[in-house]
Amino acid sequence: MIVDSLRLRSKGHLLRHLVLFTRLLRLVGVPATPDQLVDLVQALPLLDLRRREEVKDAARAMLVTSREQATLFDSAFDLFWQAWTTEDQPDDPDNMQIAPPPEGDTDVGDQERERLSEAEAGTDTQNEPESEESLAVYSAEEFLRHKDFTELTEAEVQSVTQLIRHSRWHPEQHPARRKRSAAHGTHPDLRRVLRQGLRYGGEVMKFAWQTPKLKRRPLIVLCDISGSMERYTSFLLRFLYVVTNGLERAEVFAFGTRLTRLTRPLRQSDMDMALHQAAAAVNDWGGGTRIGAALKAFNFNWARRVMSHGPTVLIISDGWDRGDLDLLRREMLRLQLNCRRLIWLNPLLGAASYEPLAQGIQTALPFVDDFLPVHNLASLEQLASHLGQLTHRRAARRRGHLDLPV
């Protein structure tokens, strides 16, 4: 069954694809080991390869060790082997069976491990194109990376959550006030020069230098949790959890009709507990949106506490606003003047037909340095790469004709 679905005409093809499948399982959070794979290969002669569910149940029994992994396994199995159809069953399935090991052979496990190692090496070194009878294996991870958050099934949600948890964030670095010793630098290290001069009777024989230490630029996230953003809120909270626990200096706020700080609830070591406490801390969940009022509350109540060292600010919202547009304009300008870079993330921007027609987004865009999508896992990865590649120079401030109140 599965063998014919991939047009596999030899045991070598099957072994290589089984190796690829176990790699996929490890990527989505199922720690399948080589010994488990050997057990599965030894069990294949006892199975009817024409029956998909029988092979799936056997693979699950060999490779899965917990109930949580079973959901991830089912999703990965269906995606990886989905090329099979009932019309593609072999006419002579007996020719596709894997022969059982010879009787009395006590080194079957070692032989299988050698064959699996050769198959794995073949997947890394084989560069020739596939023959007409071969079919490219579908990548479940690549599929999930580009699938919109609102279209994911329950099993895919767990897989994407695991991928989000393993993501790493490395924002732009900036020179700190403290300095470190260096062979070549921009500042003389007078203390080290005098200390070394004591060896020569107080004479300066060589010069010492120091250079500023580099620190990650702080990151501040303001996330819209209003009713229009409800489809994306659960994934955005997972993203905010990873950002909060992956960076030393990160602040997270949620806003709808009011502003709520979520940094402390999201600092929990357990993701489920952190998300539960964050949800309990928000009182205006799924309500209206007043972006201008929320930004004013941040600028006047929190900016002096968290806006040190020139942070990068992310605003996650679709731009639908029922508040005062003049207030939004003033507070966007104030926020832009106080941060290193202002980035607006819009989940609707991932659609090819999207146009920023909402009044809120039209009012805010003149003060935004980067306008980016945040609708799938690939967009989050692009954002992480973008934050690490920000230049030290910034576009000129667009003050316009606004006068900020004192």
Protein backbone atom coordinates (compact mmCIF):
# COMPACT_ATOMS: atom_id res chain seq x y z
CA MET A 1 0.00 0.00 0.00
CA ILE A 2 2.32 2.71 1.27
CA VAL A 3 5.15 1.30 -0.79
CA ASP A 4 3.14 1.53 -4.00
CA SER A 5 1.85 4.98 -3.14
CA LEU A 6 5.39 6.32 -3.41
CA ARG A 7 6.24 4.15 -6.48
CA LEU A 8 8.90 2.38 -4.41
CA ARG A 9 10.36 -0.56 -6.32
CA SER A 10 12.96 -1.73 -3.81
CA LYS A 11 13.56 -2.06 -0.10
CA GLY A 12 16.15 0.70 -0.26
CA HIS A 13 13.54 3.27 -1.21
CA LEU A 14 11.29 2.21 1.64
CA LEU A 15 14.07 2.39 4.19
CA ARG A 16 15.11 5.88 3.05
CA HIS A 17 11.55 7.14 3.31
CA LEU A 18 11.13 5.60 6.75
CA VAL A 19 14.26 7.45 7.83
CA LEU A 20 12.79 10.70 6.46
CA PHE A 21 9.53 10.00 8.26
CA THR A 22 11.28 9.55 11.62
CA ARG A 23 13.15 12.81 11.02
CA LEU A 24 9.80 14.53 10.52
CA LEU A 25 8.50 13.02 13.75
CA ARG A 26 11.45 14.43 15.67
CA LEU A 27 10.83 17.87 14.14
CA VAL A 28 7.21 17.96 15.34
CA GLY A 29 8.04 16.72 18.84
CA VAL A 30 7.93 12.89 18.69
CA PRO A 31 11.41 11.67 19.75
CA ALA A 32 11.60 8.54 17.59
CA THR A 33 14.92 6.71 18.10
CA PRO A 34 16.93 4.54 15.66
CA ASP A 35 16.22 1.46 17.82
CA GLN A 36 12.48 2.07 17.51
CA LEU A 37 12.88 2.41 13.74
CA VAL A 38 14.76 -0.93 13.62
CA ASP A 39 11.87 -2.58 15.47
CA LEU A 40 9.41 -1.13 12.96
CA VAL A 41 11.44 -2.41 9.99
CA GLN A 42 11.61 -5.90 11.52
CA ALA A 43 7.82 -5.85 11.96
CA LEU A 44 7.05 -4.91 8.34
CA PRO A 45 7.18 -8.52 7.02
CA LEU A 46 4.33 -9.34 9.42
CA LEU A 47 2.08 -6.59 8.05
CA ASP A 48 -0.14 -6.29 5.03
CA LEU A 49 1.28 -3.22 3.30
CA ARG A 50 -1.97 -2.76 1.37
CA ARG A 51 -3.82 -1.82 4.57
CA ARG A 52 -2.97 1.73 5.52
CA GLU A 53 -4.47 1.65 9.02
CA GLU A 54 -2.63 -1.56 9.91
CA VAL A 55 0.72 -0.01 9.00
CA LYS A 56 -0.21 3.20 10.79
CA ASP A 57 -1.19 1.36 13.99
CA ALA A 58 2.03 -0.65 13.93
CA ALA A 59 4.16 2.44 13.40
CA ARG A 60 2.33 4.25 16.21
CA ALA A 61 2.92 1.32 18.56
CA MET A 62 6.63 1.27 17.75
CA LEU A 63 7.41 5.01 17.63
CA VAL A 64 5.00 6.68 20.10
CA THR A 65 5.48 6.57 23.87
CA SER A 66 2.82 8.97 25.22
CA ARG A 67 -0.74 10.09 24.55
CA GLU A 68 0.40 13.61 23.66
CA GLN A 69 2.73 12.26 20.98
CA ALA A 70 -0.07 10.20 19.40
CA THR A 71 -1.87 13.29 18.09
CA LEU A 72 1.33 14.65 16.58
CA PHE A 73 2.13 11.24 15.07
CA ASP A 74 -1.29 10.91 13.39
CA SER A 75 -0.98 14.35 11.80
CA ALA A 76 2.57 13.73 10.59
CA PHE A 77 1.71 10.25 9.25
CA ASP A 78 -1.30 11.48 7.25
CA LEU A 79 0.67 14.37 5.75
CA PHE A 80 3.79 12.38 4.91
CA TRP A 81 2.04 9.41 3.30
CA GLN A 82 -0.93 11.27 1.81
CA ALA A 83 0.16 10.50 -1.78
CA TRP A 84 -1.46 7.05 -1.46
CA THR A 85 -4.86 6.43 -3.01
CA THR A 86 -6.87 3.25 -3.29
CA GLU A 87 -6.55 3.32 -7.09
CA ASP A 88 -2.75 3.08 -6.76
CA GLN A 89 -2.72 -0.30 -5.01
CA PRO A 90 -0.32 -2.78 -6.67
CA ASP A 91 -1.70 -5.51 -8.88
CA ASP A 92 0.68 -8.04 -7.32
CA PRO A 93 1.22 -6.93 -3.72
CA ASP A 94 3.24 -10.03 -2.88
CA ASN A 95 6.08 -8.67 -5.01
CA MET A 96 6.17 -5.59 -2.80
CA GLN A 97 6.50 -7.42 0.52
CA ILE A 98 9.72 -7.24 2.51
CA ALA A 99 11.19 -10.69 3.01
CA PRO A 100 11.42 -11.91 6.63
CA PRO A 101 14.89 -12.34 8.14
CA PRO A 102 16.56 -15.74 7.70
CA GLU A 103 16.07 -18.21 10.48
CA GLY A 104 18.86 -18.50 12.98
CA ASP A 105 20.30 -15.08 12.17
CA THR A 106 21.07 -13.42 15.50
CA ASP A 107 22.52 -10.21 14.03
CA VAL A 108 19.37 -8.92 12.37
CA GLY A 109 19.31 -5.77 14.48
CA ASP A 110 22.89 -4.85 13.55
CA GLN A 111 22.24 -5.54 9.88
CA GLU A 112 19.12 -3.39 9.92
CA ARG A 113 21.00 -0.56 11.64
CA GLU A 114 23.69 -0.68 8.93
CA ARG A 115 21.05 -0.56 6.20
CA LEU A 116 19.25 2.32 7.91
CA SER A 117 22.54 4.22 8.22
CA GLU A 118 23.20 3.68 4.52
CA ALA A 119 19.66 4.81 3.70
CA GLU A 120 20.06 7.94 5.82
CA ALA A 121 23.39 8.71 4.18
CA GLY A 122 21.78 8.23 0.80
CA THR A 123 19.14 10.86 1.57
CA ASP A 124 21.89 13.37 2.37
CA THR A 125 24.25 12.65 -0.55
CA GLN A 126 21.90 11.74 -3.38
CA ASN A 127 21.76 14.62 -5.84
CA GLU A 128 20.53 12.90 -9.00
CA PRO A 129 16.91 13.62 -10.06
CA GLU A 130 14.17 11.15 -9.18
CA SER A 131 13.11 8.64 -11.82
CA GLU A 132 9.66 8.70 -13.40
CA GLU A 133 8.56 5.95 -10.99
CA SER A 134 9.54 8.00 -7.91
CA LEU A 135 7.43 10.62 -6.23
CA ALA A 136 8.77 13.48 -4.08
CA VAL A 137 7.95 13.15 -0.41
CA TYR A 138 5.70 15.86 0.94
CA SER A 139 7.11 17.97 3.78
CA ALA A 140 4.54 18.36 6.56
CA GLU A 141 6.63 21.00 8.30
CA GLU A 142 6.86 23.13 5.16
CA PHE A 143 3.09 22.79 4.70
CA LEU A 144 2.39 23.93 8.26
CA ARG A 145 4.83 26.85 7.98
CA HIS A 146 2.80 28.44 5.19
CA LYS A 147 -0.71 27.53 6.32
CA ASP A 148 -2.79 30.36 7.78
CA PHE A 149 -3.39 30.11 11.52
CA THR A 150 -7.16 30.21 11.03
CA GLU A 151 -7.11 27.14 8.75
CA LEU A 152 -5.23 24.77 11.06
CA THR A 153 -6.90 21.64 12.43
CA GLU A 154 -6.66 20.68 16.09
CA ALA A 155 -3.79 18.26 15.42
CA GLU A 156 -1.95 20.84 13.33
CA VAL A 157 -2.34 23.42 16.12
CA GLN A 158 -0.28 21.17 18.41
CA SER A 159 2.40 20.73 15.75
CA VAL A 160 2.63 24.46 15.07
CA THR A 161 2.80 25.15 18.80
CA GLN A 162 5.81 22.85 19.10
CA LEU A 163 7.51 24.62 16.18
CA ILE A 164 6.81 28.02 17.75
CA ARG A 165 8.25 26.87 21.08
CA HIS A 166 11.51 25.82 19.39
CA SER A 167 11.95 29.13 17.56
CA ARG A 168 14.74 31.46 18.63
CA TRP A 169 14.70 35.26 18.68
CA HIS A 170 17.83 37.38 18.32
CA PRO A 171 16.94 41.08 18.03
CA GLU A 172 19.39 43.72 16.95
CA GLN A 173 22.33 44.38 19.26
CA HIS A 174 23.34 47.83 20.46
CA PRO A 175 26.49 49.16 22.21
CA ALA A 176 26.09 49.24 25.99
CA ARG A 177 27.61 51.72 28.43
CA ARG A 178 29.90 49.15 29.97
CA LYS A 179 33.05 48.26 28.07
CA ARG A 180 35.30 45.22 27.70
CA SER A 181 38.97 44.77 26.94
CA ALA A 182 39.91 44.36 23.29
CA ALA A 183 43.01 44.12 21.15
CA HIS A 184 41.75 47.04 19.06
CA GLY A 185 39.08 49.45 20.17
CA THR A 186 37.84 53.01 20.18
CA HIS A 187 38.49 53.87 23.84
CA PRO A 188 41.81 53.70 25.74
CA ASP A 189 41.83 51.45 28.80
CA LEU A 190 43.79 53.76 31.13
CA ARG A 191 43.44 51.50 34.16
CA ARG A 192 45.05 48.59 32.34
CA VAL A 193 47.72 50.87 30.86
CA LEU A 194 48.78 52.08 34.34
CA ARG A 195 48.67 48.57 35.78
CA GLN A 196 50.93 47.24 33.03
CA GLY A 197 53.24 50.24 33.41
CA LEU A 198 54.05 49.24 37.00
CA ARG A 199 56.14 46.41 35.60
CA TYR A 200 58.45 48.91 33.93
CA GLY A 201 58.82 51.50 36.69
CA GLY A 202 55.79 53.51 35.67
CA GLU A 203 56.77 53.80 32.00
CA VAL A 204 54.03 53.18 29.41
CA MET A 205 55.45 50.53 27.10
CA LYS A 206 52.26 49.56 25.25
CA PHE A 207 48.72 50.84 24.99
CA ALA A 208 45.52 48.99 25.92
CA TRP A 209 42.07 49.44 24.40
CA GLN A 210 38.50 48.69 25.25
CA THR A 211 35.27 48.58 23.27
CA PRO A 212 31.59 48.78 24.33
CA LYS A 213 29.80 45.55 25.17
CA LEU A 214 26.93 44.54 22.90
CA LYS A 215 23.45 43.87 24.30
CA ARG A 216 20.22 42.77 22.70
CA ARG A 217 17.93 45.70 22.09
CA PRO A 218 14.78 45.55 24.30
CA LEU A 219 11.58 44.41 22.65
CA ILE A 220 8.11 45.73 23.53
CA VAL A 221 4.98 44.11 22.09
CA LEU A 222 1.50 45.68 22.10
CA CYS A 223 -1.05 43.06 21.00
CA ASP A 224 -4.66 43.69 19.97
CA ILE A 225 -7.03 41.17 21.62
CA SER A 226 -10.31 42.69 20.40
CA GLY A 227 -13.11 40.80 18.69
CA SER A 228 -11.77 41.35 15.16
CA MET A 229 -8.48 39.67 16.17
CA GLU A 230 -10.08 36.72 17.96
CA ARG A 231 -9.19 34.21 15.22
CA TYR A 232 -5.47 34.86 15.70
CA THR A 233 -5.33 35.56 19.44
CA SER A 234 -4.51 32.02 20.63
CA PHE A 235 -1.50 31.72 18.31
CA LEU A 236 -0.33 35.24 19.05
CA LEU A 237 -0.34 34.46 22.78
CA ARG A 238 1.87 31.44 22.11
CA PHE A 239 4.18 33.68 20.12
CA LEU A 240 4.24 36.25 22.93
CA TYR A 241 5.04 33.51 25.47
CA VAL A 242 8.08 32.42 23.42
CA VAL A 243 9.25 36.02 23.00
CA THR A 244 8.84 36.82 26.69
CA ASN A 245 10.77 33.76 27.88
CA GLY A 246 13.37 33.82 25.11
CA LEU A 247 14.59 37.38 25.64
CA GLU A 248 16.08 38.92 28.75
CA ARG A 249 14.45 42.31 28.19
CA ALA A 250 10.96 41.97 26.72
CA GLU A 251 7.64 43.53 27.71
CA VAL A 252 4.20 42.40 26.53
CA PHE A 253 0.95 44.38 26.70
CA ALA A 254 -2.54 43.50 25.47
CA PHE A 255 -5.13 46.08 24.51
CA GLY A 256 -8.73 46.29 23.40
CA THR A 257 -10.60 49.07 25.11
CA ARG A 258 -7.93 49.25 27.83
CA LEU A 259 -4.27 48.35 28.31
CA THR A 260 -3.13 45.28 30.30
CA ARG A 261 0.46 44.27 31.08
CA LEU A 262 1.04 40.54 30.46
CA THR A 263 4.78 40.30 31.04
CA ARG A 264 4.55 38.73 34.49
CA PRO A 265 1.85 36.10 33.69
CA LEU A 266 3.76 35.01 30.58
CA ARG A 267 6.98 34.48 32.54
CA GLN A 268 5.70 31.12 33.85
CA SER A 269 7.79 28.08 32.95
CA ASP A 270 4.70 26.10 31.85
CA MET A 271 3.07 27.41 28.67
CA ASP A 272 -0.46 26.26 29.51
CA MET A 273 -0.31 27.86 32.95
CA ALA A 274 1.12 31.07 31.48
CA LEU A 275 -1.60 31.32 28.83
CA HIS A 276 -4.30 30.64 31.44
CA GLN A 277 -3.03 33.38 33.73
CA ALA A 278 -2.67 35.81 30.82
CA ALA A 279 -6.25 35.17 29.75
CA ALA A 280 -7.47 35.69 33.32
CA ALA A 281 -5.62 39.02 33.57
CA VAL A 282 -7.42 40.54 30.56
CA ASN A 283 -10.88 41.99 31.29
CA ASP A 284 -11.77 43.30 27.81
CA TRP A 285 -11.17 40.09 25.86
CA GLY A 286 -12.91 40.01 22.46
CA GLY A 287 -14.48 43.46 22.85
CA GLY A 288 -14.04 46.70 20.95
CA THR A 289 -10.84 48.49 19.99
CA ARG A 290 -9.57 51.89 21.05
CA ILE A 291 -5.97 51.91 19.89
CA GLY A 292 -5.37 55.60 20.59
CA ALA A 293 -6.52 55.37 24.21
CA ALA A 294 -4.42 52.23 24.76
CA LEU A 295 -1.32 53.88 23.33
CA LYS A 296 -1.90 56.95 25.51
CA ALA A 297 -2.10 54.74 28.60
CA PHE A 298 1.18 53.10 27.57
CA ASN A 299 2.97 56.38 26.76
CA PHE A 300 1.97 58.08 30.01
CA ASN A 301 1.97 55.16 32.47
CA TRP A 302 4.57 52.69 31.22
CA ALA A 303 6.95 54.36 28.74
CA ARG A 304 9.32 55.73 31.38
CA ARG A 305 9.59 52.30 33.02
CA VAL A 306 10.17 50.12 29.96
CA MET A 307 11.36 52.38 27.12
CA SER A 308 15.02 52.62 28.11
CA HIS A 309 17.94 51.74 25.83
CA GLY A 310 16.03 52.47 22.61
CA PRO A 311 13.68 49.48 22.33
CA THR A 312 12.02 48.05 19.24
CA VAL A 313 8.22 48.25 19.50
CA LEU A 314 5.85 45.78 17.82
CA ILE A 315 2.16 46.60 17.44
CA ILE A 316 0.05 43.58 16.45
CA SER A 317 -3.37 44.65 15.19
CA ASP A 318 -5.62 44.61 12.13
CA GLY A 319 -6.11 48.38 12.45
CA TRP A 320 -9.86 48.40 13.16
CA ASP A 321 -10.39 51.26 15.62
CA ARG A 322 -13.52 52.81 17.15
CA GLY A 323 -11.68 55.49 19.08
CA ASP A 324 -10.55 59.05 18.38
CA LEU A 325 -8.37 59.17 15.27
CA ASP A 326 -6.70 62.44 16.29
CA LEU A 327 -5.72 60.83 19.58
CA LEU A 328 -4.36 57.83 17.70
CA ARG A 329 -2.30 60.12 15.46
CA ARG A 330 -0.76 61.99 18.40
CA GLU A 331 0.06 58.87 20.40
CA MET A 332 1.57 57.08 17.40
CA LEU A 333 3.88 60.03 16.87
CA ARG A 334 4.79 60.12 20.55
CA LEU A 335 5.53 56.39 20.55
CA GLN A 336 7.63 56.60 17.41
CA LEU A 337 9.76 59.40 18.82
CA ASN A 338 10.51 57.39 21.98
CA CYS A 339 11.49 54.03 20.43
CA ARG A 340 14.31 52.81 18.21
CA ARG A 341 11.99 51.33 15.59
CA LEU A 342 8.22 50.95 15.31
CA ILE A 343 6.90 47.84 13.52
CA TRP A 344 3.23 47.14 12.80
CA LEU A 345 2.22 43.48 12.34
CA ASN A 346 -1.10 42.87 10.61
CA PRO A 347 -2.48 39.30 10.19
CA LEU A 348 -4.67 40.46 7.29
CA LEU A 349 -1.61 41.54 5.31
CA GLY A 350 -0.96 37.91 4.41
CA ALA A 351 -3.91 37.94 1.97
CA ALA A 352 -2.97 38.99 -1.57
CA SER A 353 -6.16 41.05 -1.91
CA TYR A 354 -5.67 43.01 1.32
CA GLU A 355 -5.69 46.79 1.19
CA PRO A 356 -5.26 49.04 4.28
CA LEU A 357 -8.68 50.71 4.02
CA ALA A 358 -9.57 50.84 7.72
CA GLN A 359 -9.29 54.36 9.13
CA GLY A 360 -7.22 53.21 12.07
CA ILE A 361 -4.49 51.64 9.95
CA GLN A 362 -4.49 54.56 7.51
CA THR A 363 -3.97 56.95 10.42
CA ALA A 364 -1.14 54.90 11.94
CA LEU A 365 0.82 53.94 8.82
CA PRO A 366 2.62 57.31 8.35
CA PHE A 367 4.37 56.71 11.70
CA VAL A 368 5.28 53.04 11.11
CA ASP A 369 8.79 52.04 10.07
CA ASP A 370 7.90 48.49 8.94
CA PHE A 371 4.50 47.08 7.96
CA LEU A 372 4.66 43.24 8.02
CA PRO A 373 2.25 40.25 8.00
CA VAL A 374 1.82 37.85 10.92
CA HIS A 375 -0.63 35.18 9.70
CA ASN A 376 1.42 31.96 9.69
CA LEU A 377 4.59 30.37 11.02
CA ALA A 378 6.67 31.52 8.06
CA SER A 379 5.76 35.16 8.76
CA LEU A 380 6.93 34.76 12.38
CA GLU A 381 10.24 33.35 11.14
CA GLN A 382 10.62 36.26 8.73
CA LEU A 383 9.94 38.66 11.59
CA ALA A 384 12.67 37.03 13.72
CA SER A 385 15.12 37.36 10.83
CA HIS A 386 14.07 40.97 10.25
CA LEU A 387 14.63 41.93 13.90
CA GLY A 388 18.15 40.53 13.75
CA GLN A 389 19.05 42.43 10.59
CA LEU A 390 17.83 45.92 11.47
CA THR A 391 20.29 48.61 10.49
CA HIS A 392 21.62 51.16 12.93
CA ARG A 393 20.25 53.99 10.84
CA ARG A 394 16.59 54.84 10.85
CA ALA A 395 14.36 56.78 8.47
CA ALA A 396 13.73 60.43 9.29
CA ARG A 397 10.94 61.08 11.76
CA ARG A 398 7.70 62.10 10.13
CA ARG A 399 6.59 64.85 12.44
CA GLY A 400 4.19 66.44 9.97
CA HIS A 401 2.36 69.42 11.43
CA LEU A 402 1.50 67.85 14.80
CA ASP A 403 2.31 69.53 18.09
CA LEU A 404 2.50 67.19 21.04
CA PRO A 405 0.97 68.40 24.32
CA VAL A 406 3.30 68.71 27.27
